[in-house]
Amino acid sequence: MTGLDVAVQAAAARANGPVVLACSGGVDSVVLARMAVPLLRRRGVPILLAHLDHGMRPRGGADDAAFVSALAANLKVALIRRRQAPSP
């Protein structure tokens, strides 16, 4: 059993609702989502993918958000997507 299996099993055991996976669109969070979603799904746990465009990358933020939206559609999971402008 891998470390991810152990973490997913623990999250599934504690879940009273969906497990929320934060996804920036970077390699690490995309790999986590691609690996964790099937494991959670096998355990019958609802899943939400969450993405926050924090407004710190004016050119890249919209691209990241679009990529994560496509990832959620590909994985067939619900997506929560927000944009939060940085504080002055």
Protein backbone atom coordinates (compact mmCIF):
# COMPACT_ATOMS: atom_id res chain seq x y z
CA MET A 1 0.00 0.00 0.00
CA THR A 2 1.43 3.39 -1.00
CA GLY A 3 1.44 6.54 1.09
CA LEU A 4 -1.28 7.92 -1.16
CA ASP A 5 -3.41 4.82 -0.56
CA VAL A 6 -3.04 5.31 3.19
CA ALA A 7 -3.91 9.02 2.96
CA VAL A 8 -6.92 8.37 0.73
CA GLN A 9 -8.14 5.58 2.99
CA ALA A 10 -7.87 7.89 6.01
CA ALA A 11 -9.68 10.73 4.22
CA ALA A 12 -12.40 8.35 3.05
CA ALA A 13 -12.89 7.00 6.57
CA ARG A 14 -13.31 10.52 8.03
CA ALA A 15 -15.41 11.98 5.22
CA ASN A 16 -18.89 13.17 6.14
CA GLY A 17 -19.27 14.55 2.65
CA PRO A 18 -17.11 15.12 -0.38
CA VAL A 19 -13.34 15.10 -0.20
CA VAL A 20 -12.06 18.38 -1.62
CA LEU A 21 -8.86 18.20 -3.66
CA ALA A 22 -7.18 21.56 -4.22
CA CYS A 23 -5.70 21.86 -7.69
CA SER A 24 -3.56 24.75 -8.91
CA GLY A 25 -3.03 23.25 -12.34
CA GLY A 26 0.63 22.56 -11.56
CA VAL A 27 2.20 19.17 -12.03
CA ASP A 28 2.01 18.08 -8.38
CA SER A 29 -1.68 18.86 -7.83
CA VAL A 30 -2.67 17.42 -11.23
CA VAL A 31 -0.85 14.16 -10.49
CA LEU A 32 -2.45 14.04 -7.04
CA ALA A 33 -5.91 14.52 -8.56
CA ARG A 34 -5.34 11.93 -11.27
CA MET A 35 -4.17 9.38 -8.67
CA ALA A 36 -6.57 10.18 -5.81
CA VAL A 37 -9.83 10.43 -7.77
CA PRO A 38 -9.93 6.75 -8.82
CA LEU A 39 -8.96 5.64 -5.30
CA LEU A 40 -11.69 7.76 -3.71
CA ARG A 41 -14.23 6.75 -6.33
CA ARG A 42 -13.59 3.03 -5.60
CA ARG A 43 -14.42 3.76 -1.97
CA GLY A 44 -17.63 5.52 -2.94
CA VAL A 45 -16.51 8.92 -1.66
CA PRO A 46 -17.83 12.01 -3.46
CA ILE A 47 -15.09 14.28 -4.77
CA LEU A 48 -14.79 17.99 -5.46
CA LEU A 49 -11.89 19.57 -7.29
CA ALA A 50 -11.21 23.14 -6.11
CA HIS A 51 -9.25 25.84 -7.91
CA LEU A 52 -8.47 29.37 -6.74
CA ASP A 53 -7.15 31.96 -9.17
CA HIS A 54 -5.49 34.30 -6.67
CA GLY A 55 -4.85 36.97 -9.30
CA MET A 56 -1.10 36.98 -8.79
CA ARG A 57 -0.41 35.77 -12.35
CA PRO A 58 -2.53 37.98 -14.60
CA ARG A 59 -1.56 36.14 -17.78
CA GLY A 60 -1.36 32.59 -16.44
CA GLY A 61 -4.26 32.54 -14.01
CA ALA A 62 -6.99 32.24 -16.62
CA ASP A 63 -5.05 29.52 -18.43
CA ASP A 64 -4.63 27.57 -15.18
CA ALA A 65 -8.34 27.91 -14.43
CA ALA A 66 -9.29 26.67 -17.90
CA PHE A 67 -6.87 23.74 -17.58
CA VAL A 68 -8.29 22.71 -14.19
CA SER A 69 -11.83 23.01 -15.57
CA ALA A 70 -10.90 20.64 -18.38
CA LEU A 71 -9.22 18.28 -15.90
CA ALA A 72 -12.35 18.16 -13.75
CA ALA A 73 -14.46 17.39 -16.82
CA ASN A 74 -12.01 14.68 -17.88
CA LEU A 75 -12.07 13.11 -14.40
CA LYS A 76 -15.85 13.55 -14.23
CA VAL A 77 -15.75 15.35 -10.88
CA ALA A 78 -17.46 18.52 -9.72
CA LEU A 79 -15.39 21.70 -9.71
CA ILE A 80 -15.44 24.70 -7.42
CA ARG A 81 -13.62 27.56 -9.11
CA ARG A 82 -13.12 31.01 -7.62
CA ARG A 83 -11.13 34.11 -8.40
CA GLN A 84 -9.89 36.25 -5.54
CA ALA A 85 -8.08 39.47 -6.34
CA PRO A 86 -5.01 40.07 -4.18
CA SER A 87 -5.35 42.51 -1.33
CA PRO A 88 -3.64 45.88 -1.88
